[in-house]
């Protein structure tokens, strides 16, 4: 199973590279900060979407999306939330949010800092932001491959980078 992972699109133009890659996935996961319902609709036209709202999402998105989600995909338990706090604090925040859930994968955003790191047998995955040209080290999104109950994450840089 192949999953496209994205966060923090912030109502900016979504890169064609990401949209093309997501046409080849089985599921899209968005970790919040769409900033507009139209952005959610763009992803839903491509594939099934699991998503949460972020701190920058307004009432319209908060009425249709949860703040956090726990679900199973490919035989693995996934915890999904946007995140909170300064970039160095976000990982600790999401660890606390899901500590009782015993997930295999935790997907989050908020910091715009890509992360693909396994800690205590849990994959912590932040795809970064595909549209941030200010705070992110580069524009990015992610792909998760799940095979036989194992997950491999990959951060993908947007070819045109910051412009």
N, C-alpha and C. Protein backbone atom coordinates (compact mmCIF):
# COMPACT_ATOMS: atom_id res chain seq x y z
N UNK A 1 0.84 -1.18 0.00
CA UNK A 1 0.00 0.00 0.00
C UNK A 1 0.89 1.24 0.00
N UNK A 2 0.53 2.20 -0.82
CA UNK A 2 1.29 3.45 -0.94
C UNK A 2 0.39 4.60 -0.47
N UNK A 3 0.95 5.43 0.44
CA UNK A 3 0.20 6.53 1.02
C UNK A 3 0.93 7.85 0.77
N UNK A 4 0.20 8.83 0.25
CA UNK A 4 0.75 10.17 0.09
C UNK A 4 0.47 10.97 1.36
N UNK A 5 1.50 11.61 1.89
CA UNK A 5 1.37 12.36 3.15
C UNK A 5 1.75 13.82 2.91
N UNK A 6 0.89 14.71 3.39
CA UNK A 6 1.11 16.14 3.18
C UNK A 6 0.58 16.90 4.39
N UNK A 7 1.12 18.09 4.60
CA UNK A 7 0.65 18.96 5.68
C UNK A 7 0.95 20.40 5.30
N UNK A 8 0.29 21.29 5.99
CA UNK A 8 0.63 22.71 5.91
C UNK A 8 0.66 23.26 4.48
N UNK A 9 -0.44 23.03 3.76
CA UNK A 9 -0.54 23.56 2.40
C UNK A 9 -0.94 25.04 2.41
N UNK A 10 -1.60 25.50 3.46
CA UNK A 10 -1.87 26.92 3.70
C UNK A 10 -2.47 27.68 2.51
N UNK A 11 -3.36 27.04 1.77
CA UNK A 11 -4.06 27.69 0.65
C UNK A 11 -3.16 28.22 -0.45
N UNK A 12 -1.92 27.75 -0.50
CA UNK A 12 -1.04 28.12 -1.60
C UNK A 12 -1.21 27.11 -2.73
N UNK A 13 -0.76 27.44 -3.90
CA UNK A 13 -0.86 26.54 -5.04
C UNK A 13 -0.10 25.25 -4.74
N UNK A 14 -0.79 24.13 -4.88
CA UNK A 14 -0.18 22.83 -4.59
C UNK A 14 0.67 22.42 -5.79
N UNK A 15 1.93 22.08 -5.55
CA UNK A 15 2.83 21.76 -6.66
C UNK A 15 2.32 20.60 -7.54
N UNK A 16 2.48 20.76 -8.83
CA UNK A 16 2.07 19.73 -9.80
C UNK A 16 2.76 18.40 -9.51
N UNK A 17 4.02 18.45 -9.11
CA UNK A 17 4.77 17.22 -8.79
C UNK A 17 4.05 16.41 -7.71
N UNK A 18 3.59 17.08 -6.67
CA UNK A 18 2.86 16.41 -5.59
C UNK A 18 1.55 15.84 -6.12
N UNK A 19 0.80 16.63 -6.84
CA UNK A 19 -0.49 16.16 -7.38
C UNK A 19 -0.29 14.95 -8.30
N UNK A 20 0.74 14.98 -9.12
CA UNK A 20 1.02 13.84 -10.01
C UNK A 20 1.39 12.60 -9.20
N UNK A 21 2.24 12.76 -8.18
CA UNK A 21 2.63 11.61 -7.34
C UNK A 21 1.42 11.05 -6.59
N UNK A 22 0.54 11.92 -6.13
CA UNK A 22 -0.61 11.46 -5.35
C UNK A 22 -1.65 10.75 -6.21
N UNK A 23 -1.57 10.88 -7.52
CA UNK A 23 -2.47 10.12 -8.40
C UNK A 23 -2.10 8.64 -8.40
N UNK A 24 -0.92 8.30 -7.85
CA UNK A 24 -0.44 6.91 -7.84
C UNK A 24 -0.53 6.28 -6.45
N UNK A 25 -1.20 6.93 -5.48
CA UNK A 25 -1.27 6.39 -4.13
C UNK A 25 -2.64 5.78 -3.86
N UNK A 26 -2.69 4.96 -2.79
CA UNK A 26 -3.93 4.30 -2.38
C UNK A 26 -4.71 5.12 -1.37
N UNK A 27 -4.04 6.08 -0.73
CA UNK A 27 -4.65 6.90 0.31
C UNK A 27 -3.84 8.18 0.43
N UNK A 28 -4.52 9.30 0.74
CA UNK A 28 -3.85 10.56 1.02
C UNK A 28 -4.12 10.90 2.49
N UNK A 29 -3.05 11.26 3.21
CA UNK A 29 -3.19 11.72 4.59
C UNK A 29 -2.70 13.15 4.66
N UNK A 30 -3.55 14.04 5.19
CA UNK A 30 -3.19 15.46 5.35
C UNK A 30 -3.22 15.78 6.84
N UNK A 31 -2.11 16.31 7.36
CA UNK A 31 -1.97 16.58 8.78
C UNK A 31 -2.35 18.02 9.16
N UNK A 32 -3.23 18.63 8.41
CA UNK A 32 -3.80 19.91 8.82
C UNK A 32 -3.13 21.15 8.28
N UNK A 33 -3.80 22.27 8.52
CA UNK A 33 -3.48 23.59 7.97
C UNK A 33 -3.67 23.61 6.45
N UNK A 34 -4.88 23.22 6.06
CA UNK A 34 -5.31 23.43 4.67
C UNK A 34 -5.49 24.93 4.46
N UNK A 35 -6.21 25.55 5.41
CA UNK A 35 -6.59 26.96 5.43
C UNK A 35 -7.76 27.29 4.52
N UNK A 36 -8.22 26.35 3.71
CA UNK A 36 -9.40 26.57 2.87
C UNK A 36 -10.03 25.22 2.51
N UNK A 37 -11.35 25.18 2.55
CA UNK A 37 -12.07 23.96 2.19
C UNK A 37 -11.74 23.51 0.77
N UNK A 38 -11.47 24.48 -0.12
CA UNK A 38 -11.13 24.13 -1.51
C UNK A 38 -9.90 23.23 -1.58
N UNK A 39 -8.94 23.43 -0.68
CA UNK A 39 -7.74 22.58 -0.70
C UNK A 39 -8.08 21.14 -0.35
N UNK A 40 -8.95 20.94 0.62
CA UNK A 40 -9.40 19.58 0.96
C UNK A 40 -10.09 18.95 -0.25
N UNK A 41 -10.91 19.72 -0.94
CA UNK A 41 -11.62 19.21 -2.11
C UNK A 41 -10.66 18.79 -3.23
N UNK A 42 -9.56 19.53 -3.40
CA UNK A 42 -8.57 19.18 -4.42
C UNK A 42 -8.03 17.77 -4.16
N UNK A 43 -7.67 17.49 -2.90
CA UNK A 43 -7.14 16.17 -2.57
C UNK A 43 -8.20 15.08 -2.68
N UNK A 44 -9.44 15.40 -2.29
CA UNK A 44 -10.53 14.41 -2.37
C UNK A 44 -10.87 14.03 -3.81
N UNK A 45 -10.58 14.91 -4.76
CA UNK A 45 -10.82 14.59 -6.17
C UNK A 45 -9.81 13.55 -6.67
N UNK A 46 -8.66 13.46 -6.00
CA UNK A 46 -7.60 12.54 -6.42
C UNK A 46 -7.77 11.16 -5.82
N UNK A 47 -8.06 11.10 -4.49
CA UNK A 47 -8.07 9.83 -3.79
C UNK A 47 -8.79 10.01 -2.45
N UNK A 48 -9.06 8.90 -1.77
CA UNK A 48 -9.62 8.95 -0.43
C UNK A 48 -8.65 9.72 0.48
N UNK A 49 -9.19 10.56 1.36
CA UNK A 49 -8.37 11.40 2.24
C UNK A 49 -8.72 11.14 3.69
N UNK A 50 -7.68 10.95 4.52
CA UNK A 50 -7.80 10.99 5.98
C UNK A 50 -7.12 12.29 6.38
N UNK A 51 -7.78 13.11 7.18
CA UNK A 51 -7.20 14.41 7.52
C UNK A 51 -7.68 14.88 8.88
N UNK A 52 -6.91 15.80 9.43
CA UNK A 52 -7.27 16.50 10.66
C UNK A 52 -7.16 18.00 10.41
N UNK A 53 -7.77 18.78 11.29
CA UNK A 53 -7.60 20.22 11.14
C UNK A 53 -6.37 20.68 11.91
N UNK A 54 -5.81 21.80 11.44
CA UNK A 54 -4.66 22.41 12.10
C UNK A 54 -5.03 23.72 12.75
N UNK A 55 -4.07 24.33 13.41
CA UNK A 55 -4.33 25.57 14.14
C UNK A 55 -4.73 26.73 13.25
N UNK A 56 -4.40 26.69 11.97
CA UNK A 56 -4.75 27.78 11.05
C UNK A 56 -6.06 27.52 10.29
N UNK A 57 -6.67 26.36 10.52
CA UNK A 57 -7.91 26.02 9.82
C UNK A 57 -9.11 26.63 10.53
N UNK A 58 -10.02 27.20 9.74
CA UNK A 58 -11.19 27.87 10.27
C UNK A 58 -12.33 26.92 10.60
N UNK A 59 -13.44 27.51 10.98
CA UNK A 59 -14.61 26.78 11.44
C UNK A 59 -15.12 25.78 10.40
N UNK A 60 -15.12 26.15 9.13
CA UNK A 60 -15.65 25.27 8.08
C UNK A 60 -14.91 23.93 8.07
N UNK A 61 -13.59 23.96 8.17
CA UNK A 61 -12.81 22.72 8.20
C UNK A 61 -12.94 22.01 9.54
N UNK A 62 -13.00 22.77 10.63
CA UNK A 62 -13.13 22.17 11.96
C UNK A 62 -14.46 21.43 12.13
N UNK A 63 -15.47 21.81 11.34
CA UNK A 63 -16.77 21.15 11.43
C UNK A 63 -16.78 19.80 10.70
N UNK A 64 -15.83 19.58 9.80
CA UNK A 64 -15.84 18.32 9.03
C UNK A 64 -14.63 17.42 9.31
N UNK A 65 -13.62 17.96 10.01
CA UNK A 65 -12.41 17.19 10.30
C UNK A 65 -12.18 17.10 11.80
N UNK A 66 -11.63 15.97 12.27
CA UNK A 66 -11.30 15.88 13.70
C UNK A 66 -9.98 16.59 14.01
N UNK A 67 -9.73 16.82 15.31
CA UNK A 67 -8.45 17.40 15.74
C UNK A 67 -7.35 16.34 15.74
N UNK A 68 -7.74 15.10 16.03
CA UNK A 68 -6.81 13.98 16.00
C UNK A 68 -7.57 12.75 15.52
N UNK A 69 -6.82 11.79 15.01
CA UNK A 69 -7.45 10.59 14.46
C UNK A 69 -6.51 9.41 14.73
N UNK A 70 -7.10 8.26 15.01
CA UNK A 70 -6.35 7.01 15.13
C UNK A 70 -7.08 6.00 14.27
N UNK A 71 -6.34 5.37 13.36
CA UNK A 71 -6.96 4.43 12.44
C UNK A 71 -5.95 3.38 12.02
N UNK A 72 -6.44 2.33 11.39
CA UNK A 72 -5.56 1.27 10.93
C UNK A 72 -5.47 1.30 9.41
N UNK A 73 -4.26 1.10 8.92
CA UNK A 73 -4.06 1.04 7.48
C UNK A 73 -2.93 0.04 7.21
N UNK A 74 -3.16 -0.88 6.31
CA UNK A 74 -2.15 -1.88 5.98
C UNK A 74 -1.71 -2.71 7.18
N UNK A 75 -2.62 -2.90 8.14
CA UNK A 75 -2.30 -3.68 9.33
C UNK A 75 -1.53 -2.92 10.40
N UNK A 76 -1.33 -1.61 10.21
CA UNK A 76 -0.59 -0.80 11.18
C UNK A 76 -1.50 0.28 11.76
N UNK A 77 -1.28 0.60 13.03
CA UNK A 77 -2.06 1.64 13.70
C UNK A 77 -1.38 2.99 13.49
N UNK A 78 -2.17 3.96 13.01
CA UNK A 78 -1.67 5.29 12.69
C UNK A 78 -2.31 6.31 13.62
N UNK A 79 -1.49 7.18 14.20
CA UNK A 79 -1.98 8.33 14.94
C UNK A 79 -1.72 9.56 14.09
N UNK A 80 -2.75 10.40 13.95
CA UNK A 80 -2.65 11.58 13.09
C UNK A 80 -3.12 12.81 13.85
N UNK A 81 -2.27 13.82 13.91
CA UNK A 81 -2.69 15.12 14.46
C UNK A 81 -1.81 16.19 13.82
N UNK A 82 -2.20 17.45 14.00
CA UNK A 82 -1.44 18.53 13.37
C UNK A 82 -0.15 18.82 14.13
N UNK A 83 -0.24 18.94 15.43
CA UNK A 83 0.91 19.31 16.24
C UNK A 83 0.70 20.66 16.88
N UNK A 84 1.60 21.00 17.78
CA UNK A 84 1.45 22.23 18.55
C UNK A 84 2.81 22.63 19.11
N UNK A 85 3.03 23.92 19.23
CA UNK A 85 4.26 24.41 19.86
C UNK A 85 5.31 24.83 18.84
N UNK A 86 6.46 25.21 19.37
CA UNK A 86 7.57 25.62 18.51
C UNK A 86 8.16 24.38 17.83
N UNK A 87 8.87 24.55 16.70
CA UNK A 87 9.40 23.38 15.98
C UNK A 87 10.11 22.35 16.86
N UNK A 88 10.97 22.74 17.79
CA UNK A 88 11.64 21.70 18.60
C UNK A 88 10.69 20.97 19.56
N UNK A 89 9.53 21.56 19.86
CA UNK A 89 8.59 20.97 20.82
C UNK A 89 7.57 20.04 20.17
N UNK A 90 7.40 20.11 18.88
CA UNK A 90 6.29 19.40 18.23
C UNK A 90 6.42 17.89 18.38
N UNK A 91 7.61 17.33 18.22
CA UNK A 91 7.78 15.89 18.35
C UNK A 91 7.39 15.43 19.76
N UNK A 92 7.83 16.13 20.78
CA UNK A 92 7.47 15.74 22.15
C UNK A 92 5.97 15.86 22.37
N UNK A 93 5.36 16.87 21.77
CA UNK A 93 3.90 17.04 21.88
C UNK A 93 3.17 15.83 21.30
N UNK A 94 3.53 15.41 20.09
CA UNK A 94 2.80 14.30 19.47
C UNK A 94 3.09 12.97 20.17
N UNK A 95 4.27 12.82 20.73
CA UNK A 95 4.55 11.62 21.52
C UNK A 95 3.58 11.52 22.70
N UNK A 96 3.33 12.65 23.37
CA UNK A 96 2.41 12.67 24.51
C UNK A 96 0.97 12.42 24.07
N UNK A 97 0.57 13.02 22.95
CA UNK A 97 -0.80 12.88 22.46
C UNK A 97 -1.16 11.41 22.23
N UNK A 98 -0.20 10.64 21.70
CA UNK A 98 -0.51 9.26 21.32
C UNK A 98 0.11 8.21 22.23
N UNK A 99 0.66 8.60 23.39
CA UNK A 99 1.39 7.64 24.23
C UNK A 99 0.52 6.46 24.67
N UNK A 100 -0.77 6.67 24.88
CA UNK A 100 -1.64 5.58 25.32
C UNK A 100 -2.23 4.76 24.17
N UNK A 101 -2.04 5.22 22.95
CA UNK A 101 -2.63 4.55 21.77
C UNK A 101 -1.75 3.42 21.23
N UNK A 102 -0.47 3.45 21.55
CA UNK A 102 0.50 2.48 21.04
C UNK A 102 0.47 2.37 19.51
N UNK A 103 0.66 3.50 18.82
CA UNK A 103 0.65 3.48 17.36
C UNK A 103 1.95 2.92 16.79
N UNK A 104 1.87 2.48 15.54
CA UNK A 104 3.06 2.09 14.79
C UNK A 104 3.65 3.29 14.06
N UNK A 105 2.76 4.22 13.69
CA UNK A 105 3.14 5.40 12.92
C UNK A 105 2.43 6.62 13.52
N UNK A 106 3.15 7.72 13.70
CA UNK A 106 2.53 8.98 14.09
C UNK A 106 2.84 10.00 13.00
N UNK A 107 1.80 10.55 12.41
CA UNK A 107 1.93 11.54 11.34
C UNK A 107 1.49 12.89 11.89
N UNK A 108 2.30 13.91 11.63
CA UNK A 108 1.99 15.24 12.13
C UNK A 108 2.60 16.28 11.20
N UNK A 109 2.29 17.54 11.48
CA UNK A 109 2.82 18.65 10.69
C UNK A 109 3.20 19.79 11.61
N UNK A 110 2.68 20.96 11.34
CA UNK A 110 2.79 22.18 12.14
C UNK A 110 4.15 22.88 12.04
N UNK A 111 5.23 22.16 12.20
CA UNK A 111 6.56 22.80 12.25
C UNK A 111 7.12 23.16 10.87
N UNK A 112 6.57 22.55 9.83
CA UNK A 112 7.08 22.70 8.45
C UNK A 112 8.48 22.09 8.31
N UNK A 113 8.91 21.32 9.29
CA UNK A 113 10.23 20.70 9.28
C UNK A 113 10.07 19.20 9.00
N UNK A 114 10.53 18.70 7.85
CA UNK A 114 10.37 17.28 7.55
C UNK A 114 11.07 16.41 8.60
N UNK A 115 10.43 15.29 8.93
CA UNK A 115 11.00 14.34 9.88
C UNK A 115 10.56 12.94 9.47
N UNK A 116 11.51 12.01 9.46
CA UNK A 116 11.24 10.61 9.12
C UNK A 116 12.13 9.80 10.06
N UNK A 117 11.65 9.58 11.29
CA UNK A 117 12.50 9.03 12.33
C UNK A 117 11.76 7.98 13.16
N UNK A 118 12.40 6.85 13.40
CA UNK A 118 11.82 5.82 14.24
C UNK A 118 12.39 5.94 15.65
N UNK A 119 11.49 6.02 16.63
CA UNK A 119 11.85 6.10 18.03
C UNK A 119 11.03 5.05 18.77
N UNK A 120 11.70 4.13 19.47
CA UNK A 120 11.01 3.06 20.22
C UNK A 120 10.00 2.32 19.36
N UNK A 121 10.42 1.95 18.16
CA UNK A 121 9.60 1.18 17.21
C UNK A 121 8.38 1.92 16.68
N UNK A 122 8.34 3.24 16.81
CA UNK A 122 7.27 4.06 16.24
C UNK A 122 7.88 4.98 15.20
N UNK A 123 7.30 5.00 14.00
CA UNK A 123 7.76 5.93 12.97
C UNK A 123 7.07 7.28 13.19
N UNK A 124 7.85 8.31 13.45
CA UNK A 124 7.34 9.67 13.55
C UNK A 124 7.62 10.34 12.21
N UNK A 125 6.54 10.78 11.55
CA UNK A 125 6.65 11.24 10.17
C UNK A 125 5.97 12.59 10.00
N UNK A 126 6.77 13.59 9.65
CA UNK A 126 6.28 14.91 9.33
C UNK A 126 6.72 15.19 7.89
N UNK A 127 5.76 15.37 6.97
CA UNK A 127 6.14 15.57 5.56
C UNK A 127 6.69 16.95 5.25
N UNK A 128 6.72 17.84 6.24
CA UNK A 128 7.11 19.22 5.95
C UNK A 128 5.96 19.95 5.27
N UNK A 129 6.26 20.96 4.53
CA UNK A 129 5.25 21.73 3.79
C UNK A 129 5.65 21.81 2.32
N UNK A 130 4.70 21.52 1.40
CA UNK A 130 5.04 21.59 -0.02
C UNK A 130 5.00 23.01 -0.57
N UNK A 131 4.56 23.97 0.27
CA UNK A 131 4.35 25.33 -0.23
C UNK A 131 5.06 26.42 0.56
N UNK A 132 5.68 26.09 1.69
CA UNK A 132 6.31 27.10 2.54
C UNK A 132 7.67 27.50 1.97
N UNK A 133 7.79 28.76 1.65
CA UNK A 133 9.07 29.25 1.13
C UNK A 133 9.80 30.13 2.16
N UNK A 134 9.30 30.12 3.41
CA UNK A 134 9.90 30.98 4.43
C UNK A 134 10.51 30.14 5.56
N UNK A 135 9.71 29.34 6.25
CA UNK A 135 10.19 28.64 7.45
C UNK A 135 10.76 27.25 7.17
N UNK A 136 10.30 26.60 6.11
CA UNK A 136 10.75 25.23 5.83
C UNK A 136 12.15 25.23 5.23
N UNK A 137 12.94 24.19 5.51
CA UNK A 137 14.28 24.11 4.90
C UNK A 137 14.19 23.91 3.38
N UNK A 138 13.10 23.30 2.94
CA UNK A 138 12.78 23.11 1.53
C UNK A 138 11.33 22.68 1.46
N UNK A 139 10.71 22.82 0.30
CA UNK A 139 9.33 22.37 0.11
C UNK A 139 9.32 20.86 -0.03
N UNK A 140 8.38 20.20 0.68
CA UNK A 140 8.39 18.73 0.67
C UNK A 140 7.03 18.14 1.01
N UNK A 141 6.93 16.86 0.74
CA UNK A 141 5.79 16.02 1.11
C UNK A 141 6.35 14.63 1.32
N UNK A 142 5.49 13.67 1.62
CA UNK A 142 6.01 12.34 1.91
C UNK A 142 5.23 11.22 1.26
N UNK A 143 5.90 10.08 1.19
CA UNK A 143 5.28 8.84 0.73
C UNK A 143 5.59 7.76 1.77
N UNK A 144 4.57 7.04 2.19
CA UNK A 144 4.75 5.88 3.05
C UNK A 144 4.42 4.63 2.25
N UNK A 145 5.29 3.64 2.29
CA UNK A 145 5.04 2.34 1.67
C UNK A 145 4.84 1.34 2.79
N UNK A 146 3.70 0.67 2.80
CA UNK A 146 3.42 -0.35 3.79
C UNK A 146 3.33 -1.70 3.09
N UNK A 147 4.20 -2.61 3.50
CA UNK A 147 4.22 -3.97 2.94
C UNK A 147 4.41 -4.96 4.07
N UNK A 148 3.55 -5.97 4.14
CA UNK A 148 3.66 -7.04 5.13
C UNK A 148 3.83 -6.51 6.55
N UNK A 149 3.05 -5.49 6.90
CA UNK A 149 3.08 -4.95 8.25
C UNK A 149 4.30 -4.12 8.59
N UNK A 150 5.08 -3.75 7.59
CA UNK A 150 6.25 -2.89 7.81
C UNK A 150 6.08 -1.62 7.00
N UNK A 151 6.59 -0.51 7.54
CA UNK A 151 6.44 0.78 6.87
C UNK A 151 7.81 1.37 6.55
N UNK A 152 7.89 1.98 5.38
CA UNK A 152 9.08 2.74 4.99
C UNK A 152 8.61 4.13 4.58
N UNK A 153 9.19 5.15 5.19
CA UNK A 153 8.82 6.52 4.88
C UNK A 153 9.87 7.20 4.03
N UNK A 154 9.42 8.09 3.16
CA UNK A 154 10.34 8.84 2.30
C UNK A 154 9.86 10.29 2.22
N UNK A 155 10.77 11.22 2.50
CA UNK A 155 10.50 12.64 2.32
C UNK A 155 10.90 13.00 0.89
N UNK A 156 10.00 13.67 0.17
CA UNK A 156 10.27 14.03 -1.22
C UNK A 156 10.33 15.55 -1.34
N UNK A 157 11.46 16.03 -1.83
CA UNK A 157 11.62 17.46 -2.06
C UNK A 157 10.88 17.84 -3.33
N UNK A 158 10.21 18.98 -3.28
CA UNK A 158 9.56 19.51 -4.47
C UNK A 158 10.67 20.03 -5.38
N UNK A 159 10.66 19.59 -6.65
CA UNK A 159 11.75 19.89 -7.59
C UNK A 159 12.07 21.37 -7.69
N UNK A 160 11.04 22.20 -7.67
CA UNK A 160 11.32 23.63 -7.84
C UNK A 160 11.68 24.31 -6.53
N UNK A 161 11.77 23.54 -5.45
CA UNK A 161 12.23 24.06 -4.16
C UNK A 161 11.48 25.29 -3.71
N UNK A 162 12.18 26.35 -3.47
CA UNK A 162 11.56 27.57 -2.94
C UNK A 162 11.11 28.53 -4.02
N UNK A 163 10.87 28.08 -5.18
CA UNK A 163 10.40 29.07 -6.13
C UNK A 163 10.28 28.49 -7.47
